[in-house]
Amino acid sequence: MTSADPLPRSTPDTGGTEARPKRTRRAPMFTSTPDTPPPQLLCPSCDRLLEYRQTVISGVKPIERWDYFECRTCGEFVYRDRTRKLRSTA
C-alpha cells in the first residue's frame, strides 16, 4: 500500500492566473516636518510665495506625497510630488 491520498485534492479554477492578494492602502501620515523639505512655490495667480502648511504621505505603491500650501490672497493649494503639479483646493 502507498501513503498517497486516494482522492486528488481539488484546487479552485482561477482561469490560468494566480489570485493575488489585494493591496491594502496605507493609513495617511500627516506631518509638518517631512524628511524631504517641501518645495518653495509661487502662487499661480498673484506670484506671492506660498506658505507651507502640511504634508500627507499615503497610497499603496508607490507611496504618494501631497504638500499643502496657502496663499494669503488666493486660498489653499496642494502640490502632488509624483506629478509635480500644483492645483487649487478651493
PDB file of N, CA and C in Angstrom:
ATOM      1  N   MET A   1       0.825  -1.178   0.000  1.00  0.00           N
ATOM      2  CA  MET A   1       0.000   0.000   0.000  1.00  0.00           C
ATOM      3  C   MET A   1       0.869   1.242   0.000  1.00  0.00           C
ATOM      4  N   THR A   2       0.345   2.291  -0.623  1.00  0.00           N
ATOM      5  CA  THR A   2       1.078   3.547  -0.650  1.00  0.00           C
ATOM      6  C   THR A   2       0.423   4.523   0.307  1.00  0.00           C
ATOM      7  N   SER A   3       1.166   5.550   0.652  1.00  0.00           N
ATOM      8  CA  SER A   3       0.636   6.539   1.578  1.00  0.00           C
ATOM      9  C   SER A   3      -0.036   7.707   0.857  1.00  0.00           C
ATOM     10  N   ALA A   4      -0.215   7.589  -0.446  1.00  0.00           N
ATOM     11  CA  ALA A   4      -0.845   8.666  -1.216  1.00  0.00           C
ATOM     12  C   ALA A   4      -2.330   8.748  -0.892  1.00  0.00           C
ATOM     13  N   ASP A   5      -2.879   9.938  -0.998  1.00  0.00           N
ATOM     14  CA  ASP A   5      -4.304  10.128  -0.757  1.00  0.00           C
ATOM     15  C   ASP A   5      -5.094   9.427  -1.853  1.00  0.00           C
ATOM     16  N   PRO A   6      -6.165   8.747  -1.503  1.00  0.00           N
ATOM     17  CA  PRO A   6      -6.947   8.065  -2.521  1.00  0.00           C
ATOM     18  C   PRO A   6      -7.703   9.032  -3.426  1.00  0.00           C
ATOM     19  N   LEU A   7      -8.047  10.224  -2.917  1.00  0.00           N
ATOM     20  CA  LEU A   7      -8.766  11.210  -3.721  1.00  0.00           C
ATOM     21  C   LEU A   7      -7.851  12.390  -4.020  1.00  0.00           C
ATOM     22  N   PRO A   8      -7.819  12.840  -5.263  1.00  0.00           N
ATOM     23  CA  PRO A   8      -6.976  14.008  -5.564  1.00  0.00           C
ATOM     24  C   PRO A   8      -7.561  15.261  -4.924  1.00  0.00           C
ATOM     25  N   ARG A   9      -6.691  16.099  -4.462  1.00  0.00           N
ATOM     26  CA  ARG A   9      -7.133  17.368  -3.871  1.00  0.00           C
ATOM     27  C   ARG A   9      -7.488  18.337  -4.991  1.00  0.00           C
ATOM     28  N   SER A  10      -8.599  18.979  -4.852  1.00  0.00           N
ATOM     29  CA  SER A  10      -9.015  19.917  -5.896  1.00  0.00           C
ATOM     30  C   SER A  10      -8.592  21.324  -5.507  1.00  0.00           C
ATOM     31  N   THR A  11      -8.246  22.085  -6.503  1.00  0.00           N
ATOM     32  CA  THR A  11      -7.901  23.488  -6.300  1.00  0.00           C
ATOM     33  C   THR A  11      -8.887  24.315  -7.102  1.00  0.00           C
ATOM     34  N   PRO A  12      -9.234  25.480  -6.616  1.00  0.00           N
ATOM     35  CA  PRO A  12     -10.190  26.307  -7.366  1.00  0.00           C
ATOM     36  C   PRO A  12      -9.605  26.722  -8.706  1.00  0.00           C
ATOM     37  N   ASP A  13     -10.451  26.727  -9.722  1.00  0.00           N
ATOM     38  CA  ASP A  13     -10.018  27.130 -11.053  1.00  0.00           C
ATOM     39  C   ASP A  13      -9.930  28.645 -11.113  1.00  0.00           C
ATOM     40  N   THR A  14      -8.729  29.162 -11.351  1.00  0.00           N
ATOM     41  CA  THR A  14      -8.537  30.612 -11.426  1.00  0.00           C
ATOM     42  C   THR A  14      -8.391  31.081 -12.859  1.00  0.00           C
ATOM     43  N   GLY A  15      -8.700  30.200 -13.802  1.00  0.00           N
ATOM     44  CA  GLY A  15      -8.628  30.597 -15.197  1.00  0.00           C
ATOM     45  C   GLY A  15      -7.207  30.763 -15.693  1.00  0.00           C
ATOM     46  N   GLY A  16      -6.267  30.054 -15.111  1.00  0.00           N
ATOM     47  CA  GLY A  16      -4.883  30.124 -15.555  1.00  0.00           C
ATOM     48  C   GLY A  16      -4.079  31.234 -14.917  1.00  0.00           C
ATOM     49  N   THR A  17      -4.696  32.042 -14.106  1.00  0.00           N
ATOM     50  CA  THR A  17      -3.955  33.103 -13.424  1.00  0.00           C
ATOM     51  C   THR A  17      -3.980  32.848 -11.932  1.00  0.00           C
ATOM     52  N   GLU A  18      -2.924  33.219 -11.288  1.00  0.00           N
ATOM     53  CA  GLU A  18      -2.879  33.049  -9.845  1.00  0.00           C
ATOM     54  C   GLU A  18      -3.568  34.235  -9.184  1.00  0.00           C
ATOM     55  N   ALA A  19      -4.327  33.940  -8.159  1.00  0.00           N
ATOM     56  CA  ALA A  19      -5.028  35.003  -7.442  1.00  0.00           C
ATOM     57  C   ALA A  19      -4.031  35.791  -6.605  1.00  0.00           C
ATOM     58  N   ARG A  20      -4.063  37.095  -6.741  1.00  0.00           N
ATOM     59  CA  ARG A  20      -3.180  37.961  -5.963  1.00  0.00           C
ATOM     60  C   ARG A  20      -3.947  38.532  -4.786  1.00  0.00           C
ATOM     61  N   PRO A  21      -3.277  38.671  -3.671  1.00  0.00           N
ATOM     62  CA  PRO A  21      -3.959  39.343  -2.563  1.00  0.00           C
ATOM     63  C   PRO A  21      -4.140  40.819  -2.894  1.00  0.00           C
ATOM     64  N   LYS A  22      -5.237  41.396  -2.436  1.00  0.00           N
ATOM     65  CA  LYS A  22      -5.479  42.819  -2.683  1.00  0.00           C
ATOM     66  C   LYS A  22      -4.464  43.659  -1.939  1.00  0.00           C
ATOM     67  N   ARG A  23      -4.035  44.714  -2.579  1.00  0.00           N
ATOM     68  CA  ARG A  23      -3.134  45.644  -1.906  1.00  0.00           C
ATOM     69  C   ARG A  23      -3.937  46.464  -0.911  1.00  0.00           C
ATOM     70  N   THR A  24      -3.354  46.678   0.218  1.00  0.00           N
ATOM     71  CA  THR A  24      -4.048  47.477   1.219  1.00  0.00           C
ATOM     72  C   THR A  24      -3.492  48.889   1.215  1.00  0.00           C
ATOM     73  N   ARG A  25      -4.388  49.828   1.311  1.00  0.00           N
ATOM     74  CA  ARG A  25      -3.994  51.234   1.335  1.00  0.00           C
ATOM     75  C   ARG A  25      -3.415  51.562   2.698  1.00  0.00           C
ATOM     76  N   ARG A  26      -2.317  52.294   2.677  1.00  0.00           N
ATOM     77  CA  ARG A  26      -1.710  52.730   3.927  1.00  0.00           C
ATOM     78  C   ARG A  26      -2.537  53.819   4.577  1.00  0.00           C
ATOM     79  N   ALA A  27      -2.514  53.844   5.877  1.00  0.00           N
ATOM     80  CA  ALA A  27      -3.174  54.932   6.594  1.00  0.00           C
ATOM     81  C   ALA A  27      -2.386  56.207   6.324  1.00  0.00           C
ATOM     82  N   PRO A  28      -3.044  57.315   6.049  1.00  0.00           N
ATOM     83  CA  PRO A  28      -2.317  58.549   5.756  1.00  0.00           C
ATOM     84  C   PRO A  28      -1.513  59.029   6.962  1.00  0.00           C
ATOM     85  N   MET A  29      -0.320  59.534   6.663  1.00  0.00           N
ATOM     86  CA  MET A  29       0.531  60.097   7.703  1.00  0.00           C
ATOM     87  C   MET A  29       0.601  61.605   7.472  1.00  0.00           C
ATOM     88  N   PHE A  30       0.228  62.374   8.470  1.00  0.00           N
ATOM     89  CA  PHE A  30       0.235  63.835   8.391  1.00  0.00           C
ATOM     90  C   PHE A  30       1.443  64.349   9.160  1.00  0.00           C
ATOM     91  N   THR A  31       2.184  65.269   8.546  1.00  0.00           N
ATOM     92  CA  THR A  31       3.345  65.844   9.217  1.00  0.00           C
ATOM     93  C   THR A  31       3.564  67.276   8.738  1.00  0.00           C
ATOM     94  N   SER A  32       4.168  68.068   9.586  1.00  0.00           N
ATOM     95  CA  SER A  32       4.565  69.420   9.175  1.00  0.00           C
ATOM     96  C   SER A  32       6.083  69.519   9.108  1.00  0.00           C
ATOM     97  N   THR A  33       6.758  68.384   9.345  1.00  0.00           N
ATOM     98  CA  THR A  33       8.221  68.327   9.250  1.00  0.00           C
ATOM     99  C   THR A  33       8.625  67.075   8.473  1.00  0.00           C
ATOM    100  N   PRO A  34       8.394  67.040   7.146  1.00  0.00           N
ATOM    101  CA  PRO A  34       8.737  65.850   6.361  1.00  0.00           C
ATOM    102  C   PRO A  34      10.249  65.670   6.243  1.00  0.00           C
ATOM    103  N   ASP A  35      10.669  64.432   5.938  1.00  0.00           N
ATOM    104  CA  ASP A  35      12.095  64.137   5.768  1.00  0.00           C
ATOM    105  C   ASP A  35      12.708  64.988   4.657  1.00  0.00           C
ATOM    106  N   THR A  36      12.017  65.065   3.532  1.00  0.00           N
ATOM    107  CA  THR A  36      12.450  65.908   2.422  1.00  0.00           C
ATOM    108  C   THR A  36      11.658  67.205   2.503  1.00  0.00           C
ATOM    109  N   PRO A  37      12.326  68.337   2.556  1.00  0.00           N
ATOM    110  CA  PRO A  37      11.580  69.597   2.700  1.00  0.00           C
ATOM    111  C   PRO A  37      10.676  69.862   1.497  1.00  0.00           C
ATOM    112  N   PRO A  38       9.557  70.541   1.717  1.00  0.00           N
ATOM    113  CA  PRO A  38       8.652  70.850   0.610  1.00  0.00           C
ATOM    114  C   PRO A  38       9.283  71.890  -0.316  1.00  0.00           C
ATOM    115  N   PRO A  39       8.862  71.909  -1.576  1.00  0.00           N
ATOM    116  CA  PRO A  39       9.409  72.910  -2.491  1.00  0.00           C
ATOM    117  C   PRO A  39       8.908  74.308  -2.148  1.00  0.00           C
ATOM    118  N   GLN A  40       9.677  75.311  -2.535  1.00  0.00           N
ATOM    119  CA  GLN A  40       9.222  76.696  -2.390  1.00  0.00           C
ATOM    120  C   GLN A  40       8.497  77.049  -3.679  1.00  0.00           C
ATOM    121  N   LEU A  41       7.219  77.351  -3.552  1.00  0.00           N
ATOM    122  CA  LEU A  41       6.383  77.587  -4.723  1.00  0.00           C
ATOM    123  C   LEU A  41       5.758  78.968  -4.683  1.00  0.00           C
ATOM    124  N   LEU A  42       5.496  79.503  -5.872  1.00  0.00           N
ATOM    125  CA  LEU A  42       4.805  80.782  -6.008  1.00  0.00           C
ATOM    126  C   LEU A  42       3.352  80.530  -6.365  1.00  0.00           C
ATOM    127  N   CYS A  43       2.492  81.404  -5.893  1.00  0.00           N
ATOM    128  CA  CYS A  43       1.075  81.326  -6.219  1.00  0.00           C
ATOM    129  C   CYS A  43       0.913  81.535  -7.728  1.00  0.00           C
ATOM    130  N   PRO A  44       0.170  80.658  -8.398  1.00  0.00           N
ATOM    131  CA  PRO A  44      -0.008  80.822  -9.844  1.00  0.00           C
ATOM    132  C   PRO A  44      -0.859  82.033 -10.219  1.00  0.00           C
ATOM    133  N   SER A  45      -1.610  82.593  -9.266  1.00  0.00           N
ATOM    134  CA  SER A  45      -2.472  83.744  -9.558  1.00  0.00           C
ATOM    135  C   SER A  45      -1.796  85.078  -9.298  1.00  0.00           C
ATOM    136  N   CYS A  46      -1.111  85.205  -8.137  1.00  0.00           N
ATOM    137  CA  CYS A  46      -0.571  86.518  -7.760  1.00  0.00           C
ATOM    138  C   CYS A  46       0.959  86.535  -7.606  1.00  0.00           C
ATOM    139  N   ASP A  47       1.617  85.431  -7.842  1.00  0.00           N
ATOM    140  CA  ASP A  47       3.086  85.317  -7.786  1.00  0.00           C
ATOM    141  C   ASP A  47       3.683  85.588  -6.408  1.00  0.00           C
ATOM    142  N   ARG A  48       2.899  85.462  -5.350  1.00  0.00           N
ATOM    143  CA  ARG A  48       3.450  85.554  -3.997  1.00  0.00           C
ATOM    144  C   ARG A  48       3.962  84.180  -3.585  1.00  0.00           C
ATOM    145  N   LEU A  49       4.904  84.171  -2.648  1.00  0.00           N
ATOM    146  CA  LEU A  49       5.430  82.917  -2.125  1.00  0.00           C
ATOM    147  C   LEU A  49       4.338  82.210  -1.318  1.00  0.00           C
ATOM    148  N   LEU A  50       4.097  80.933  -1.627  1.00  0.00           N
ATOM    149  CA  LEU A  50       3.095  80.163  -0.895  1.00  0.00           C
ATOM    150  C   LEU A  50       3.650  79.748   0.459  1.00  0.00           C
ATOM    151  N   GLU A  51       2.779  79.730   1.461  1.00  0.00           N
ATOM    152  CA  GLU A  51       3.177  79.347   2.814  1.00  0.00           C
ATOM    153  C   GLU A  51       2.859  77.867   3.016  1.00  0.00           C
ATOM    154  N   TYR A  52       3.876  77.092   3.402  1.00  0.00           N
ATOM    155  CA  TYR A  52       3.713  75.653   3.621  1.00  0.00           C
ATOM    156  C   TYR A  52       2.861  75.387   4.858  1.00  0.00           C
ATOM    157  N   ARG A  53       1.941  74.417   4.768  1.00  0.00           N
ATOM    158  CA  ARG A  53       1.081  74.051   5.896  1.00  0.00           C
ATOM    159  C   ARG A  53       1.388  72.647   6.417  1.00  0.00           C
ATOM    160  N   GLN A  54       1.247  71.613   5.554  1.00  0.00           N
ATOM    161  CA  GLN A  54       1.489  70.240   5.997  1.00  0.00           C
ATOM    162  C   GLN A  54       1.728  69.327   4.805  1.00  0.00           C
ATOM    163  N   THR A  55       2.216  68.114   5.108  1.00  0.00           N
ATOM    164  CA  THR A  55       2.442  67.077   4.112  1.00  0.00           C
ATOM    165  C   THR A  55       1.624  65.860   4.501  1.00  0.00           C
ATOM    166  N   VAL A  56       1.028  65.220   3.496  1.00  0.00           N
ATOM    167  CA  VAL A  56       0.308  63.967   3.703  1.00  0.00           C
ATOM    168  C   VAL A  56       1.008  62.908   2.866  1.00  0.00           C
ATOM    169  N   ILE A  57       1.359  61.788   3.509  1.00  0.00           N
ATOM    170  CA  ILE A  57       2.001  60.670   2.823  1.00  0.00           C
ATOM    171  C   ILE A  57       1.062  59.485   2.944  1.00  0.00           C
ATOM    172  N   SER A  58       0.709  58.884   1.789  1.00  0.00           N
ATOM    173  CA  SER A  58      -0.248  57.785   1.782  1.00  0.00           C
ATOM    174  C   SER A  58      -0.118  57.015   0.475  1.00  0.00           C
ATOM    175  N   GLY A  59      -1.059  56.127   0.226  1.00  0.00           N
ATOM    176  CA  GLY A  59      -1.101  55.398  -1.025  1.00  0.00           C
ATOM    177  C   GLY A  59      -0.753  53.941  -0.864  1.00  0.00           C
ATOM    178  N   VAL A  60      -0.765  53.213  -1.976  1.00  0.00           N
ATOM    179  CA  VAL A  60      -0.470  51.790  -1.973  1.00  0.00           C
ATOM    180  C   VAL A  60       0.969  51.601  -2.397  1.00  0.00           C
ATOM    181  N   LYS A  61       1.227  51.652  -3.668  1.00  0.00           N
ATOM    182  CA  LYS A  61       2.586  51.554  -4.175  1.00  0.00           C
ATOM    183  C   LYS A  61       2.572  52.175  -5.552  1.00  0.00           C
ATOM    184  N   PRO A  62       3.331  53.157  -5.823  1.00  0.00           N
ATOM    185  CA  PRO A  62       4.312  53.811  -4.963  1.00  0.00           C
ATOM    186  C   PRO A  62       3.625  54.699  -3.922  1.00  0.00           C
ATOM    187  N   ILE A  63       4.354  55.004  -2.896  1.00  0.00           N
ATOM    188  CA  ILE A  63       3.840  55.881  -1.854  1.00  0.00           C
ATOM    189  C   ILE A  63       3.646  57.270  -2.459  1.00  0.00           C
ATOM    190  N   GLU A  64       2.526  57.886  -2.167  1.00  0.00           N
ATOM    191  CA  GLU A  64       2.205  59.221  -2.691  1.00  0.00           C
ATOM    192  C   GLU A  64       2.460  60.274  -1.625  1.00  0.00           C
ATOM    193  N   ARG A  65       2.776  61.480  -2.091  1.00  0.00           N
ATOM    194  CA  ARG A  65       3.006  62.600  -1.176  1.00  0.00           C
ATOM    195  C   ARG A  65       2.296  63.832  -1.716  1.00  0.00           C
ATOM    196  N   TRP A  66       1.575  64.507  -0.822  1.00  0.00           N
ATOM    197  CA  TRP A  66       0.899  65.754  -1.159  1.00  0.00           C
ATOM    198  C   TRP A  66       1.340  66.811  -0.162  1.00  0.00           C
ATOM    199  N   ASP A  67       1.795  67.955  -0.662  1.00  0.00           N
ATOM    200  CA  ASP A  67       2.179  69.082   0.188  1.00  0.00           C
ATOM    201  C   ASP A  67       1.090  70.148   0.069  1.00  0.00           C
ATOM    202  N   TYR A  68       0.617  70.624   1.207  1.00  0.00           N
ATOM    203  CA  TYR A  68      -0.452  71.628   1.244  1.00  0.00           C
ATOM    204  C   TYR A  68       0.133  73.000   1.549  1.00  0.00           C
ATOM    205  N   PHE A  69      -0.292  73.995   0.757  1.00  0.00           N
ATOM    206  CA  PHE A  69       0.196  75.368   0.872  1.00  0.00           C
ATOM    207  C   PHE A  69      -0.987  76.318   0.963  1.00  0.00           C
ATOM    208  N   GLU A  70      -0.668  77.569   1.360  1.00  0.00           N
ATOM    209  CA  GLU A  70      -1.709  78.590   1.417  1.00  0.00           C
ATOM    210  C   GLU A  70      -1.159  79.915   0.915  1.00  0.00           C
ATOM    211  N   CYS A  71      -1.987  80.604   0.134  1.00  0.00           N
ATOM    212  CA  CYS A  71      -1.699  81.964  -0.302  1.00  0.00           C
ATOM    213  C   CYS A  71      -2.648  82.868   0.475  1.00  0.00           C
ATOM    214  N   ARG A  72      -2.141  83.954   1.023  1.00  0.00           N
ATOM    215  CA  ARG A  72      -2.978  84.850   1.844  1.00  0.00           C
ATOM    216  C   ARG A  72      -4.142  85.444   1.059  1.00  0.00           C
ATOM    217  N   THR A  73      -3.936  85.682  -0.223  1.00  0.00           N
ATOM    218  CA  THR A  73      -4.988  86.323  -1.012  1.00  0.00           C
ATOM    219  C   THR A  73      -5.790  85.349  -1.876  1.00  0.00           C
ATOM    220  N   CYS A  74      -5.200  84.251  -2.291  1.00  0.00           N
ATOM    221  CA  CYS A  74      -5.859  83.363  -3.262  1.00  0.00           C
ATOM    222  C   CYS A  74      -6.393  82.053  -2.687  1.00  0.00           C
ATOM    223  N   GLY A  75      -5.996  81.685  -1.477  1.00  0.00           N
ATOM    224  CA  GLY A  75      -6.537  80.462  -0.878  1.00  0.00           C
ATOM    225  C   GLY A  75      -5.527  79.336  -0.768  1.00  0.00           C
ATOM    226  N   GLU A  76      -6.059  78.108  -0.698  1.00  0.00           N
ATOM    227  CA  GLU A  76      -5.232  76.933  -0.451  1.00  0.00           C
ATOM    228  C   GLU A  76      -4.902  76.192  -1.740  1.00  0.00           C
ATOM    229  N   PHE A  77      -3.708  75.567  -1.731  1.00  0.00           N
ATOM    230  CA  PHE A  77      -3.224  74.806  -2.874  1.00  0.00           C
ATOM    231  C   PHE A  77      -2.632  73.492  -2.382  1.00  0.00           C
ATOM    232  N   VAL A  78      -2.612  72.504  -3.281  1.00  0.00           N
ATOM    233  CA  VAL A  78      -1.968  71.228  -2.979  1.00  0.00           C
ATOM    234  C   VAL A  78      -0.993  70.915  -4.114  1.00  0.00           C
ATOM    235  N   TYR A  79       0.193  70.441  -3.731  1.00  0.00           N
ATOM    236  CA  TYR A  79       1.236  70.068  -4.682  1.00  0.00           C
ATOM    237  C   TYR A  79       1.418  68.563  -4.592  1.00  0.00           C
ATOM    238  N   ARG A  80       1.214  67.856  -5.698  1.00  0.00           N
ATOM    239  CA  ARG A  80       1.398  66.402  -5.735  1.00  0.00           C
ATOM    240  C   ARG A  80       2.813  66.124  -6.209  1.00  0.00           C
ATOM    241  N   ASP A  81       3.580  65.462  -5.354  1.00  0.00           N
ATOM    242  CA  ASP A  81       5.000  65.246  -5.617  1.00  0.00           C
ATOM    243  C   ASP A  81       5.235  64.395  -6.862  1.00  0.00           C
ATOM    244  N   ARG A  82       4.453  63.324  -7.056  1.00  0.00           N
ATOM    245  CA  ARG A  82       4.686  62.407  -8.177  1.00  0.00           C
ATOM    246  C   ARG A  82       4.490  63.094  -9.523  1.00  0.00           C
ATOM    247  N   THR A  83       3.459  63.923  -9.637  1.00  0.00           N
ATOM    248  CA  THR A  83       3.172  64.582 -10.912  1.00  0.00           C
ATOM    249  C   THR A  83       3.777  65.977 -11.008  1.00  0.00           C
ATOM    250  N   ARG A  84       4.243  66.498  -9.872  1.00  0.00           N
ATOM    251  CA  ARG A  84       4.820  67.845  -9.798  1.00  0.00           C
ATOM    252  C   ARG A  84       3.841  68.908 -10.287  1.00  0.00           C
ATOM    253  N   LYS A  85       2.581  68.740  -9.891  1.00  0.00           N
ATOM    254  CA  LYS A  85       1.526  69.684 -10.283  1.00  0.00           C
ATOM    255  C   LYS A  85       0.971  70.383  -9.051  1.00  0.00           C
ATOM    256  N   LEU A  86       0.738  71.672  -9.196  1.00  0.00           N
ATOM    257  CA  LEU A  86       0.131  72.481  -8.147  1.00  0.00           C
ATOM    258  C   LEU A  86      -1.292  72.802  -8.580  1.00  0.00           C
ATOM    259  N   ARG A  87      -2.258  72.560  -7.690  1.00  0.00           N
ATOM    260  CA  ARG A  87      -3.652  72.879  -8.024  1.00  0.00           C
ATOM    261  C   ARG A  87      -4.341  73.495  -6.816  1.00  0.00           C
ATOM    262  N   SER A  88      -5.352  74.261  -7.103  1.00  0.00           N
ATOM    263  CA  SER A  88      -6.143  74.900  -6.056  1.00  0.00           C
ATOM    264  C   SER A  88      -7.044  73.863  -5.400  1.00  0.00           C
ATOM    265  N   THR A  89      -7.228  73.974  -4.081  1.00  0.00           N
ATOM    266  CA  THR A  89      -8.128  73.047  -3.390  1.00  0.00           C
ATOM    267  C   THR A  89      -9.509  73.646  -3.208  1.00  0.00           C
ATOM    268  N   ALA A  90      -9.693  74.888  -3.602  1.00  0.00           N
ATOM    269  CA  ALA A  90     -10.999  75.553  -3.439  1.00  0.00           C
ATOM    270  C   ALA A  90     -11.924  75.229  -4.589  1.00  0.00           C
TER     271      ALA A  90
END
